[in-house]
N, C-alpha and C. Protein backbone atom coordinates (compact mmCIF):
# COMPACT_ATOMS: atom_id res chain seq x y z
N MET A 1 -143.18 23.30 -32.25
CA MET A 1 -144.06 24.03 -31.34
C MET A 1 -145.01 24.87 -32.17
N ASP A 2 -146.28 24.80 -31.87
CA ASP A 2 -147.25 25.65 -32.54
C ASP A 2 -147.26 27.00 -31.85
N SER A 3 -147.74 28.00 -32.57
CA SER A 3 -147.86 29.33 -31.96
C SER A 3 -149.17 29.94 -32.41
N THR A 4 -149.61 30.92 -31.66
CA THR A 4 -150.74 31.71 -32.10
C THR A 4 -150.23 33.12 -32.29
N SER A 5 -150.64 33.74 -33.39
CA SER A 5 -150.17 35.09 -33.66
C SER A 5 -151.25 35.87 -34.38
N ARG A 6 -150.93 37.13 -34.60
CA ARG A 6 -151.83 37.97 -35.37
C ARG A 6 -151.61 37.63 -36.84
N SER A 7 -152.00 36.41 -37.24
CA SER A 7 -151.72 35.95 -38.60
C SER A 7 -152.31 36.93 -39.60
N GLY A 8 -151.49 37.22 -40.59
CA GLY A 8 -151.92 38.17 -41.60
C GLY A 8 -151.84 39.61 -41.14
N ALA A 9 -151.33 39.84 -39.93
CA ALA A 9 -151.24 41.20 -39.43
C ALA A 9 -150.23 41.97 -40.26
N SER A 10 -150.52 43.22 -40.51
CA SER A 10 -149.53 44.05 -41.17
C SER A 10 -148.84 44.88 -40.10
N TYR A 11 -147.53 44.94 -40.19
CA TYR A 11 -146.74 45.66 -39.20
C TYR A 11 -146.28 46.98 -39.79
N PRO A 12 -146.07 47.97 -38.93
CA PRO A 12 -145.54 49.23 -39.41
C PRO A 12 -144.12 49.03 -39.94
N ALA A 13 -143.54 50.09 -40.51
CA ALA A 13 -142.19 50.00 -41.06
C ALA A 13 -141.22 49.42 -40.05
N ALA A 14 -141.34 49.81 -38.80
CA ALA A 14 -140.48 49.26 -37.74
C ALA A 14 -141.29 49.17 -36.46
N VAL A 15 -141.08 48.09 -35.72
CA VAL A 15 -141.80 47.88 -34.47
C VAL A 15 -140.80 47.44 -33.41
N ARG A 16 -140.96 47.94 -32.18
CA ARG A 16 -140.08 47.55 -31.07
C ARG A 16 -140.59 46.25 -30.47
N LEU A 17 -139.71 45.27 -30.34
CA LEU A 17 -140.11 43.94 -29.88
C LEU A 17 -139.31 43.49 -28.67
N PHE A 18 -139.94 42.64 -27.87
CA PHE A 18 -139.25 41.90 -26.83
C PHE A 18 -140.00 40.60 -26.60
N VAL A 19 -139.34 39.65 -25.93
CA VAL A 19 -139.94 38.35 -25.62
C VAL A 19 -140.02 38.24 -24.12
N ALA A 20 -141.18 37.79 -23.61
CA ALA A 20 -141.37 37.75 -22.16
C ALA A 20 -142.37 36.67 -21.77
N LEU A 21 -142.34 36.34 -20.48
CA LEU A 21 -143.37 35.51 -19.86
C LEU A 21 -144.41 36.45 -19.29
N ASP A 22 -145.68 36.19 -19.56
CA ASP A 22 -146.75 36.90 -18.88
C ASP A 22 -146.94 36.22 -17.53
N LEU A 23 -147.33 36.98 -16.53
CA LEU A 23 -147.52 36.39 -15.20
C LEU A 23 -148.92 35.84 -15.06
N PRO A 24 -149.07 34.65 -14.46
CA PRO A 24 -150.42 34.14 -14.18
C PRO A 24 -151.10 35.01 -13.13
N PRO A 25 -152.43 34.93 -13.03
CA PRO A 25 -153.18 35.81 -12.11
C PRO A 25 -152.67 35.76 -10.67
N GLU A 26 -152.25 34.59 -10.19
CA GLU A 26 -151.79 34.49 -8.79
C GLU A 26 -150.53 35.32 -8.57
N LEU A 27 -149.63 35.34 -9.55
CA LEU A 27 -148.41 36.14 -9.40
C LEU A 27 -148.72 37.63 -9.54
N LYS A 28 -149.64 37.98 -10.43
CA LYS A 28 -150.02 39.39 -10.55
C LYS A 28 -150.65 39.88 -9.25
N ALA A 29 -151.46 39.04 -8.61
CA ALA A 29 -152.07 39.42 -7.32
C ALA A 29 -151.00 39.62 -6.26
N ALA A 30 -149.98 38.75 -6.25
CA ALA A 30 -148.89 38.90 -5.28
C ALA A 30 -148.15 40.21 -5.51
N VAL A 31 -147.92 40.56 -6.77
CA VAL A 31 -147.24 41.82 -7.10
C VAL A 31 -148.10 43.01 -6.67
N ARG A 32 -149.39 42.94 -6.95
CA ARG A 32 -150.27 44.07 -6.58
C ARG A 32 -150.26 44.31 -5.07
N SER A 33 -150.01 43.26 -4.27
CA SER A 33 -149.96 43.45 -2.82
C SER A 33 -148.78 44.32 -2.39
N LEU A 34 -147.82 44.53 -3.29
CA LEU A 34 -146.65 45.37 -3.00
C LEU A 34 -146.81 46.79 -3.51
N GLN A 35 -147.81 47.03 -4.35
CA GLN A 35 -147.87 48.29 -5.08
C GLN A 35 -148.60 49.39 -4.32
N PHE A 36 -147.96 49.85 -3.27
CA PHE A 36 -148.48 50.99 -2.50
C PHE A 36 -147.34 51.54 -1.65
N GLY A 37 -147.51 52.78 -1.18
CA GLY A 37 -146.64 53.29 -0.14
C GLY A 37 -145.35 53.96 -0.58
N LEU A 38 -145.23 54.36 -1.85
CA LEU A 38 -144.04 55.08 -2.28
C LEU A 38 -144.44 56.31 -3.08
N ARG A 39 -143.86 57.45 -2.72
CA ARG A 39 -144.12 58.68 -3.48
C ARG A 39 -143.37 58.66 -4.81
N ASN A 40 -143.88 59.44 -5.75
CA ASN A 40 -143.26 59.60 -7.08
C ASN A 40 -143.27 58.31 -7.89
N ALA A 41 -144.12 57.38 -7.52
CA ALA A 41 -144.13 56.07 -8.17
C ALA A 41 -145.20 55.99 -9.25
N ARG A 42 -144.83 55.38 -10.37
CA ARG A 42 -145.81 55.02 -11.39
C ARG A 42 -145.86 53.50 -11.40
N TRP A 43 -146.82 52.95 -10.65
CA TRP A 43 -146.96 51.50 -10.51
C TRP A 43 -147.39 50.91 -11.84
N LEU A 44 -146.80 49.81 -12.23
CA LEU A 44 -147.16 49.18 -13.49
C LEU A 44 -148.48 48.43 -13.35
N ASP A 45 -149.33 48.55 -14.36
CA ASP A 45 -150.60 47.83 -14.33
C ASP A 45 -150.38 46.39 -14.80
N ASP A 46 -151.45 45.60 -14.79
CA ASP A 46 -151.32 44.18 -15.14
C ASP A 46 -150.67 43.97 -16.50
N ALA A 47 -150.97 44.83 -17.47
CA ALA A 47 -150.40 44.67 -18.81
C ALA A 47 -148.88 44.86 -18.81
N GLY A 48 -148.37 45.59 -17.83
CA GLY A 48 -146.93 45.83 -17.76
C GLY A 48 -146.17 44.84 -16.91
N LEU A 49 -146.88 43.90 -16.28
CA LEU A 49 -146.23 42.93 -15.40
C LEU A 49 -145.84 41.68 -16.20
N HIS A 50 -144.58 41.60 -16.55
CA HIS A 50 -144.07 40.47 -17.31
C HIS A 50 -142.61 40.25 -16.93
N LEU A 51 -142.08 39.10 -17.30
CA LEU A 51 -140.69 38.75 -17.04
C LEU A 51 -139.99 38.67 -18.39
N THR A 52 -139.17 39.67 -18.68
CA THR A 52 -138.53 39.77 -19.98
C THR A 52 -137.45 38.71 -20.15
N LEU A 53 -137.50 38.01 -21.27
CA LEU A 53 -136.49 37.01 -21.62
C LEU A 53 -135.45 37.57 -22.57
N ALA A 54 -135.86 38.46 -23.49
CA ALA A 54 -134.93 39.06 -24.45
C ALA A 54 -135.51 40.37 -24.97
N PHE A 55 -134.67 41.41 -25.01
CA PHE A 55 -135.01 42.66 -25.67
C PHE A 55 -134.51 42.55 -27.10
N ILE A 56 -135.39 42.77 -28.05
CA ILE A 56 -135.00 42.65 -29.45
C ILE A 56 -134.71 44.02 -30.05
N GLY A 57 -135.56 44.99 -29.78
CA GLY A 57 -135.39 46.32 -30.36
C GLY A 57 -136.25 46.48 -31.59
N GLU A 58 -135.91 47.46 -32.43
CA GLU A 58 -136.72 47.75 -33.61
C GLU A 58 -136.46 46.76 -34.73
N VAL A 59 -137.56 46.26 -35.29
CA VAL A 59 -137.50 45.26 -36.36
C VAL A 59 -138.52 45.67 -37.42
N ASP A 60 -138.15 45.48 -38.71
CA ASP A 60 -139.12 45.79 -39.77
C ASP A 60 -140.14 44.67 -39.90
N GLY A 61 -141.18 44.89 -40.71
CA GLY A 61 -142.29 43.95 -40.81
C GLY A 61 -141.87 42.54 -41.18
N SER A 62 -140.99 42.39 -42.18
CA SER A 62 -140.56 41.04 -42.57
C SER A 62 -139.72 40.40 -41.46
N GLY A 63 -139.00 41.22 -40.71
CA GLY A 63 -138.22 40.71 -39.58
C GLY A 63 -139.11 40.15 -38.49
N VAL A 64 -140.26 40.77 -38.28
CA VAL A 64 -141.20 40.28 -37.26
C VAL A 64 -141.63 38.86 -37.60
N GLU A 65 -141.96 38.62 -38.86
CA GLU A 65 -142.39 37.28 -39.27
C GLU A 65 -141.26 36.27 -39.10
N ARG A 66 -140.03 36.66 -39.44
CA ARG A 66 -138.89 35.75 -39.26
C ARG A 66 -138.69 35.42 -37.79
N VAL A 67 -138.82 36.44 -36.93
CA VAL A 67 -138.66 36.22 -35.48
C VAL A 67 -139.75 35.27 -34.99
N GLU A 68 -141.00 35.49 -35.40
CA GLU A 68 -142.09 34.59 -35.00
C GLU A 68 -141.80 33.16 -35.41
N ASP A 69 -141.36 32.96 -36.65
CA ASP A 69 -141.07 31.61 -37.13
C ASP A 69 -139.96 30.96 -36.32
N ALA A 70 -138.92 31.72 -36.00
CA ALA A 70 -137.80 31.18 -35.23
C ALA A 70 -138.22 30.85 -33.80
N LEU A 71 -139.01 31.72 -33.19
CA LEU A 71 -139.45 31.46 -31.81
C LEU A 71 -140.35 30.23 -31.73
N ALA A 72 -141.07 29.94 -32.81
CA ALA A 72 -141.94 28.75 -32.82
C ALA A 72 -141.12 27.46 -32.73
N GLU A 73 -139.83 27.53 -32.99
CA GLU A 73 -138.95 26.36 -32.93
C GLU A 73 -138.34 26.15 -31.55
N VAL A 74 -138.51 27.09 -30.63
CA VAL A 74 -137.95 26.95 -29.28
C VAL A 74 -138.67 25.83 -28.55
N GLU A 75 -137.89 24.90 -28.00
CA GLU A 75 -138.47 23.80 -27.24
C GLU A 75 -138.07 23.94 -25.78
N ALA A 76 -139.06 24.03 -24.93
CA ALA A 76 -138.82 24.14 -23.48
C ALA A 76 -140.08 23.70 -22.77
N GLU A 77 -139.90 23.27 -21.53
CA GLU A 77 -141.04 22.81 -20.72
C GLU A 77 -141.59 23.96 -19.89
N PRO A 78 -142.84 23.81 -19.39
CA PRO A 78 -143.39 24.82 -18.48
C PRO A 78 -142.46 25.03 -17.28
N ILE A 79 -142.51 26.22 -16.73
CA ILE A 79 -141.65 26.59 -15.60
C ILE A 79 -142.53 27.03 -14.45
N HIS A 80 -142.22 26.56 -13.24
CA HIS A 80 -142.91 27.05 -12.04
C HIS A 80 -142.15 28.26 -11.53
N VAL A 81 -142.71 29.44 -11.74
CA VAL A 81 -142.04 30.70 -11.41
C VAL A 81 -142.47 31.17 -10.03
N GLU A 82 -141.48 31.63 -9.28
CA GLU A 82 -141.71 32.19 -7.95
C GLU A 82 -141.03 33.56 -7.91
N LEU A 83 -141.70 34.53 -7.33
CA LEU A 83 -141.13 35.88 -7.17
C LEU A 83 -140.68 36.05 -5.74
N HIS A 84 -139.56 36.75 -5.56
CA HIS A 84 -139.05 36.93 -4.20
C HIS A 84 -138.08 38.10 -4.14
N GLY A 85 -138.05 38.78 -3.00
CA GLY A 85 -137.10 39.87 -2.78
C GLY A 85 -137.39 41.09 -3.62
N LEU A 86 -136.71 42.18 -3.31
CA LEU A 86 -136.88 43.44 -4.03
C LEU A 86 -135.52 44.05 -4.33
N GLY A 87 -135.46 44.83 -5.38
CA GLY A 87 -134.24 45.55 -5.72
C GLY A 87 -134.56 46.76 -6.57
N CYS A 88 -133.54 47.53 -6.89
CA CYS A 88 -133.70 48.75 -7.67
C CYS A 88 -132.70 48.77 -8.82
N PHE A 89 -133.13 49.30 -9.96
CA PHE A 89 -132.22 49.61 -11.07
C PHE A 89 -132.14 51.11 -11.18
N PRO A 90 -130.99 51.75 -11.39
CA PRO A 90 -129.70 51.09 -11.40
C PRO A 90 -129.17 50.77 -10.00
N GLY A 91 -129.73 51.37 -8.97
CA GLY A 91 -129.33 51.08 -7.59
C GLY A 91 -130.16 51.92 -6.64
N ARG A 92 -129.96 51.71 -5.35
CA ARG A 92 -130.78 52.41 -4.36
C ARG A 92 -130.50 53.91 -4.30
N GLY A 93 -129.32 54.33 -4.71
CA GLY A 93 -128.97 55.74 -4.63
C GLY A 93 -129.76 56.62 -5.58
N ASP A 94 -130.09 56.11 -6.76
CA ASP A 94 -130.83 56.87 -7.76
C ASP A 94 -131.76 55.92 -8.50
N PRO A 95 -132.76 55.37 -7.80
CA PRO A 95 -133.60 54.33 -8.40
C PRO A 95 -134.50 54.87 -9.50
N ARG A 96 -134.59 54.13 -10.60
CA ARG A 96 -135.53 54.43 -11.68
C ARG A 96 -136.61 53.36 -11.76
N VAL A 97 -136.24 52.14 -11.34
CA VAL A 97 -137.16 51.00 -11.39
C VAL A 97 -137.03 50.21 -10.09
N LEU A 98 -138.17 49.80 -9.54
CA LEU A 98 -138.21 48.88 -8.40
C LEU A 98 -138.69 47.54 -8.95
N TRP A 99 -138.01 46.45 -8.58
CA TRP A 99 -138.34 45.15 -9.14
C TRP A 99 -138.35 44.08 -8.06
N THR A 100 -138.96 42.94 -8.42
CA THR A 100 -138.88 41.73 -7.60
C THR A 100 -138.18 40.65 -8.43
N GLY A 101 -137.34 39.87 -7.77
CA GLY A 101 -136.60 38.82 -8.46
C GLY A 101 -137.47 37.63 -8.78
N ALA A 102 -136.97 36.78 -9.69
CA ALA A 102 -137.72 35.59 -10.11
C ALA A 102 -136.83 34.36 -10.07
N ALA A 103 -137.43 33.24 -9.72
CA ALA A 103 -136.75 31.94 -9.68
C ALA A 103 -137.68 30.94 -10.37
N PRO A 104 -137.18 29.82 -10.85
CA PRO A 104 -135.82 29.29 -10.72
C PRO A 104 -134.89 29.91 -11.77
N LYS A 105 -133.80 30.48 -11.30
CA LYS A 105 -132.91 31.24 -12.17
C LYS A 105 -132.33 30.40 -13.30
N ALA A 106 -131.91 29.17 -13.01
CA ALA A 106 -131.28 28.33 -14.05
C ALA A 106 -132.25 28.03 -15.19
N GLU A 107 -133.48 27.64 -14.87
CA GLU A 107 -134.46 27.32 -15.91
C GLU A 107 -134.85 28.56 -16.71
N LEU A 108 -135.01 29.69 -16.02
CA LEU A 108 -135.34 30.93 -16.72
C LEU A 108 -134.19 31.37 -17.61
N ALA A 109 -132.96 31.24 -17.13
CA ALA A 109 -131.79 31.61 -17.94
C ALA A 109 -131.67 30.70 -19.16
N ALA A 110 -131.97 29.41 -19.01
CA ALA A 110 -131.91 28.49 -20.15
C ALA A 110 -132.95 28.86 -21.20
N LEU A 111 -134.16 29.22 -20.77
CA LEU A 111 -135.19 29.64 -21.71
C LEU A 111 -134.79 30.94 -22.39
N ALA A 112 -134.27 31.90 -21.63
CA ALA A 112 -133.82 33.17 -22.21
C ALA A 112 -132.73 32.93 -23.25
N ALA A 113 -131.80 32.02 -22.97
CA ALA A 113 -130.73 31.72 -23.93
C ALA A 113 -131.29 31.08 -25.19
N ALA A 114 -132.26 30.17 -25.05
CA ALA A 114 -132.88 29.54 -26.22
C ALA A 114 -133.62 30.57 -27.07
N VAL A 115 -134.30 31.50 -26.42
CA VAL A 115 -135.01 32.57 -27.13
C VAL A 115 -134.01 33.45 -27.88
N THR A 116 -132.92 33.82 -27.23
CA THR A 116 -131.91 34.68 -27.85
C THR A 116 -131.30 33.99 -29.07
N ARG A 117 -131.00 32.69 -28.95
CA ARG A 117 -130.46 31.95 -30.10
C ARG A 117 -131.45 31.94 -31.26
N ALA A 118 -132.73 31.76 -30.95
CA ALA A 118 -133.76 31.74 -32.00
C ALA A 118 -133.84 33.08 -32.71
N VAL A 119 -133.80 34.16 -31.95
CA VAL A 119 -133.88 35.50 -32.55
C VAL A 119 -132.67 35.72 -33.47
N ARG A 120 -131.50 35.29 -33.04
CA ARG A 120 -130.30 35.43 -33.88
C ARG A 120 -130.43 34.61 -35.16
N ARG A 121 -131.01 33.40 -35.05
CA ARG A 121 -131.21 32.58 -36.25
C ARG A 121 -132.14 33.27 -37.24
N ALA A 122 -133.01 34.13 -36.74
CA ALA A 122 -133.92 34.88 -37.61
C ALA A 122 -133.22 36.05 -38.29
N GLY A 123 -131.93 36.23 -38.00
CA GLY A 123 -131.18 37.32 -38.62
C GLY A 123 -131.34 38.64 -37.92
N VAL A 124 -131.79 38.60 -36.68
CA VAL A 124 -132.00 39.82 -35.89
C VAL A 124 -131.08 39.75 -34.68
N ALA A 125 -130.44 40.86 -34.38
CA ALA A 125 -129.51 40.90 -33.24
C ALA A 125 -130.23 41.48 -32.02
N PRO A 126 -130.56 40.63 -31.03
CA PRO A 126 -131.20 41.17 -29.82
C PRO A 126 -130.23 42.05 -29.05
N LYS A 127 -130.77 42.93 -28.23
CA LYS A 127 -129.94 43.80 -27.39
C LYS A 127 -129.14 42.92 -26.44
N ARG A 128 -127.87 43.26 -26.25
CA ARG A 128 -127.01 42.51 -25.33
C ARG A 128 -127.21 43.04 -23.92
N ARG A 129 -127.80 42.22 -23.08
CA ARG A 129 -127.99 42.56 -21.68
C ARG A 129 -127.79 41.29 -20.86
N ARG A 130 -127.14 41.46 -19.71
CA ARG A 130 -126.99 40.30 -18.83
C ARG A 130 -128.38 39.92 -18.33
N PHE A 131 -128.71 38.64 -18.37
CA PHE A 131 -130.04 38.20 -17.95
C PHE A 131 -130.14 38.21 -16.43
N ASN A 132 -131.09 38.97 -15.93
CA ASN A 132 -131.35 39.08 -14.49
C ASN A 132 -132.86 38.90 -14.32
N PRO A 133 -133.34 37.67 -14.06
CA PRO A 133 -134.79 37.44 -14.05
C PRO A 133 -135.50 38.25 -12.98
N HIS A 134 -136.41 39.11 -13.43
CA HIS A 134 -137.12 40.00 -12.51
C HIS A 134 -138.42 40.47 -13.16
N VAL A 135 -139.27 41.04 -12.33
CA VAL A 135 -140.50 41.69 -12.80
C VAL A 135 -140.47 43.11 -12.26
N SER A 136 -140.55 44.09 -13.15
CA SER A 136 -140.59 45.49 -12.71
C SER A 136 -141.94 45.78 -12.07
N LEU A 137 -141.91 46.47 -10.92
CA LEU A 137 -143.12 46.82 -10.19
C LEU A 137 -143.52 48.27 -10.41
N VAL A 138 -142.51 49.14 -10.46
CA VAL A 138 -142.76 50.58 -10.49
C VAL A 138 -141.65 51.27 -11.26
N ARG A 139 -142.01 52.34 -11.93
CA ARG A 139 -141.04 53.26 -12.52
C ARG A 139 -141.21 54.58 -11.78
N PHE A 140 -140.10 55.16 -11.40
CA PHE A 140 -140.16 56.41 -10.64
C PHE A 140 -140.06 57.61 -11.58
N ARG A 141 -140.96 58.57 -11.40
CA ARG A 141 -140.87 59.83 -12.14
C ARG A 141 -139.61 60.56 -11.71
N ARG A 142 -139.39 60.56 -10.40
CA ARG A 142 -138.14 61.02 -9.80
C ARG A 142 -137.95 60.16 -8.56
N PRO A 143 -136.74 59.97 -8.11
CA PRO A 143 -136.52 59.06 -6.99
C PRO A 143 -137.32 59.46 -5.75
N PRO A 144 -137.86 58.49 -5.03
CA PRO A 144 -138.57 58.81 -3.78
C PRO A 144 -137.55 59.23 -2.73
N PRO A 145 -138.00 59.88 -1.66
CA PRO A 145 -137.07 60.19 -0.57
C PRO A 145 -136.36 58.91 -0.11
N HIS A 146 -135.06 59.01 0.11
CA HIS A 146 -134.25 57.84 0.45
C HIS A 146 -134.81 57.10 1.66
N VAL A 147 -135.22 57.83 2.69
CA VAL A 147 -135.73 57.19 3.90
C VAL A 147 -137.01 56.40 3.60
N ASP A 148 -137.86 56.92 2.71
CA ASP A 148 -139.09 56.21 2.32
C ASP A 148 -138.76 54.91 1.58
N LEU A 149 -137.79 54.99 0.66
CA LEU A 149 -137.41 53.80 -0.10
C LEU A 149 -136.83 52.73 0.82
N GLU A 150 -135.94 53.13 1.72
CA GLU A 150 -135.33 52.16 2.64
C GLU A 150 -136.38 51.51 3.54
N ARG A 151 -137.34 52.30 4.00
CA ARG A 151 -138.42 51.76 4.84
C ARG A 151 -139.24 50.75 4.04
N TYR A 152 -139.59 51.12 2.81
CA TYR A 152 -140.37 50.24 1.95
C TYR A 152 -139.64 48.91 1.72
N LEU A 153 -138.36 48.99 1.37
CA LEU A 153 -137.57 47.78 1.11
C LEU A 153 -137.46 46.92 2.35
N SER A 154 -137.34 47.56 3.51
CA SER A 154 -137.25 46.81 4.77
C SER A 154 -138.56 46.09 5.09
N VAL A 155 -139.67 46.80 4.94
CA VAL A 155 -140.99 46.23 5.25
C VAL A 155 -141.27 45.01 4.36
N HIS A 156 -140.84 45.07 3.09
CA HIS A 156 -141.17 44.01 2.13
C HIS A 156 -139.98 43.08 1.85
N SER A 157 -138.97 43.10 2.70
CA SER A 157 -137.75 42.33 2.44
C SER A 157 -137.99 40.83 2.37
N LEU A 158 -139.01 40.33 3.03
CA LEU A 158 -139.27 38.89 3.04
C LEU A 158 -140.33 38.47 2.01
N PHE A 159 -140.66 39.38 1.09
CA PHE A 159 -141.69 39.06 0.09
C PHE A 159 -141.32 37.78 -0.67
N ARG A 160 -142.30 36.90 -0.79
CA ARG A 160 -142.16 35.68 -1.58
C ARG A 160 -143.55 35.29 -2.07
N SER A 161 -143.68 35.07 -3.35
CA SER A 161 -144.96 34.67 -3.93
C SER A 161 -145.07 33.15 -3.91
N PRO A 162 -146.27 32.64 -4.16
CA PRO A 162 -146.38 31.19 -4.41
C PRO A 162 -145.69 30.88 -5.75
N ALA A 163 -145.30 29.64 -5.95
CA ALA A 163 -144.76 29.21 -7.25
C ALA A 163 -145.94 28.86 -8.15
N CYS A 164 -145.96 29.41 -9.35
CA CYS A 164 -147.06 29.19 -10.29
C CYS A 164 -146.51 28.75 -11.64
N GLU A 165 -147.20 27.82 -12.27
CA GLU A 165 -146.75 27.33 -13.57
C GLU A 165 -146.99 28.38 -14.65
N VAL A 166 -145.98 28.58 -15.46
CA VAL A 166 -146.08 29.42 -16.65
C VAL A 166 -145.87 28.49 -17.84
N ALA A 167 -146.87 28.42 -18.72
CA ALA A 167 -146.87 27.41 -19.78
C ALA A 167 -146.76 28.00 -21.19
N SER A 168 -146.36 29.28 -21.28
CA SER A 168 -146.15 29.87 -22.60
C SER A 168 -145.28 31.11 -22.46
N PHE A 169 -144.70 31.52 -23.58
CA PHE A 169 -144.01 32.81 -23.62
C PHE A 169 -144.55 33.58 -24.82
N HIS A 170 -144.26 34.87 -24.87
CA HIS A 170 -144.90 35.74 -25.85
C HIS A 170 -143.90 36.66 -26.54
N LEU A 171 -144.20 36.98 -27.78
CA LEU A 171 -143.53 38.06 -28.49
C LEU A 171 -144.40 39.29 -28.33
N TYR A 172 -143.83 40.34 -27.76
CA TYR A 172 -144.56 41.59 -27.50
C TYR A 172 -144.04 42.68 -28.42
N SER A 173 -144.94 43.61 -28.77
CA SER A 173 -144.51 44.88 -29.34
C SER A 173 -144.73 45.94 -28.28
N SER A 174 -143.97 47.02 -28.40
CA SER A 174 -144.02 48.09 -27.41
C SER A 174 -144.09 49.42 -28.12
N ILE A 175 -145.05 50.24 -27.71
CA ILE A 175 -145.16 51.60 -28.24
C ILE A 175 -145.05 52.56 -27.07
N LEU A 176 -144.14 53.51 -27.17
CA LEU A 176 -143.93 54.47 -26.08
C LEU A 176 -144.91 55.63 -26.20
N HIS A 177 -145.54 55.95 -25.08
CA HIS A 177 -146.45 57.09 -24.97
C HIS A 177 -146.00 57.94 -23.80
N ARG A 178 -146.52 59.14 -23.71
CA ARG A 178 -146.15 60.01 -22.59
C ARG A 178 -146.53 59.38 -21.26
N SER A 179 -147.61 58.61 -21.24
CA SER A 179 -148.07 57.98 -20.00
C SER A 179 -147.33 56.68 -19.70
N GLY A 180 -146.45 56.26 -20.59
CA GLY A 180 -145.71 55.01 -20.39
C GLY A 180 -145.83 54.12 -21.61
N ALA A 181 -145.16 53.00 -21.58
CA ALA A 181 -145.17 52.07 -22.71
C ALA A 181 -146.49 51.30 -22.75
N ARG A 182 -146.94 51.01 -23.96
CA ARG A 182 -148.11 50.15 -24.16
C ARG A 182 -147.63 48.90 -24.86
N TYR A 183 -148.04 47.75 -24.33
CA TYR A 183 -147.57 46.47 -24.83
C TYR A 183 -148.70 45.71 -25.51
N THR A 184 -148.35 45.04 -26.61
CA THR A 184 -149.29 44.18 -27.33
C THR A 184 -148.64 42.82 -27.55
N ILE A 185 -149.36 41.76 -27.23
CA ILE A 185 -148.85 40.41 -27.53
C ILE A 185 -149.06 40.15 -29.02
N GLU A 186 -147.95 39.93 -29.72
CA GLU A 186 -148.00 39.67 -31.17
C GLU A 186 -148.11 38.18 -31.47
N ALA A 187 -147.52 37.34 -30.62
CA ALA A 187 -147.57 35.89 -30.83
C ALA A 187 -147.33 35.19 -29.50
N THR A 188 -147.93 34.02 -29.36
CA THR A 188 -147.80 33.21 -28.14
C THR A 188 -147.24 31.85 -28.51
N PHE A 189 -146.29 31.37 -27.69
CA PHE A 189 -145.60 30.11 -27.94
C PHE A 189 -145.72 29.23 -26.71
N PRO A 190 -146.33 28.05 -26.83
CA PRO A 190 -146.51 27.19 -25.66
C PRO A 190 -145.19 26.56 -25.20
N LEU A 191 -145.10 26.37 -23.90
CA LEU A 191 -144.03 25.58 -23.30
C LEU A 191 -144.65 24.22 -23.03
N GLU A 192 -144.13 23.18 -23.66
CA GLU A 192 -144.79 21.87 -23.63
C GLU A 192 -143.93 20.82 -22.95
N ARG A 193 -144.58 20.00 -22.14
CA ARG A 193 -143.88 18.90 -21.48
C ARG A 193 -143.41 17.88 -22.50
N ASN A 194 -142.21 17.40 -22.30
CA ASN A 194 -141.68 16.35 -23.15
C ASN A 194 -141.87 15.04 -22.40
N ASP A 195 -142.97 14.35 -22.66
CA ASP A 195 -143.32 13.13 -21.92
C ASP A 195 -142.84 11.86 -22.61
N ARG A 196 -141.88 12.00 -23.49
CA ARG A 196 -141.39 10.81 -24.20
C ARG A 196 -140.54 9.96 -23.31
C-alpha cells in the first residue's frame, strides 16, 4: 500500500498519535445536522470529526516513521460507513462526550485490529481500549441539565446517516490547547479494492 505523508518532516521529541478514518463530506453534513440544542456543549468542528481506529499515545520522532512504515503495510478494502444512534461517555448520568455510533461494526473492528497489529509491529504499544466504533459530536464543559440531555437524545433517537464510502485512513497527531485538541494528518493510507 502506498501512503502520502509529510515526507522529510521533522517531529518534536514526542508527539501524540492516533489512527482514524476521516469522514466524507456527506457524513460530516449529517453530523452537523445534530449539532445544536444543548447547553454547556463544545461542538466539534469538521477537523475533529473522525472515527478513531487506534489510540497510540506519545511517540518519539523515529517511532513516528516506524509507525508510518508499518501502517503502509495494512491491507484492507474501502468501507461504506453509516452513522446511527446516539450515546454518551462515560454515561448519561455524568456525560463528558456525546457520540453517534458507526457501522458496519465487523469491518471497522477488523480494520482497527489490523491497524493495532501494525503499530505493535513498529515496536509501539497502542493504548488498550475496547473498540467501540463511534464519532464524537460534542464535549461538555460541564454536564447539561439532565432533562435537556434526555430530550435531545429522544428527539434524535432515530438518527441515521446515508452510507458513504471511506477509501483511506490517516495517522493523526494531536496537540492539546485550552480551546481543545488540534489535529494534523501526518500520513494517509489508501484502502484499496482487491480485484484479483
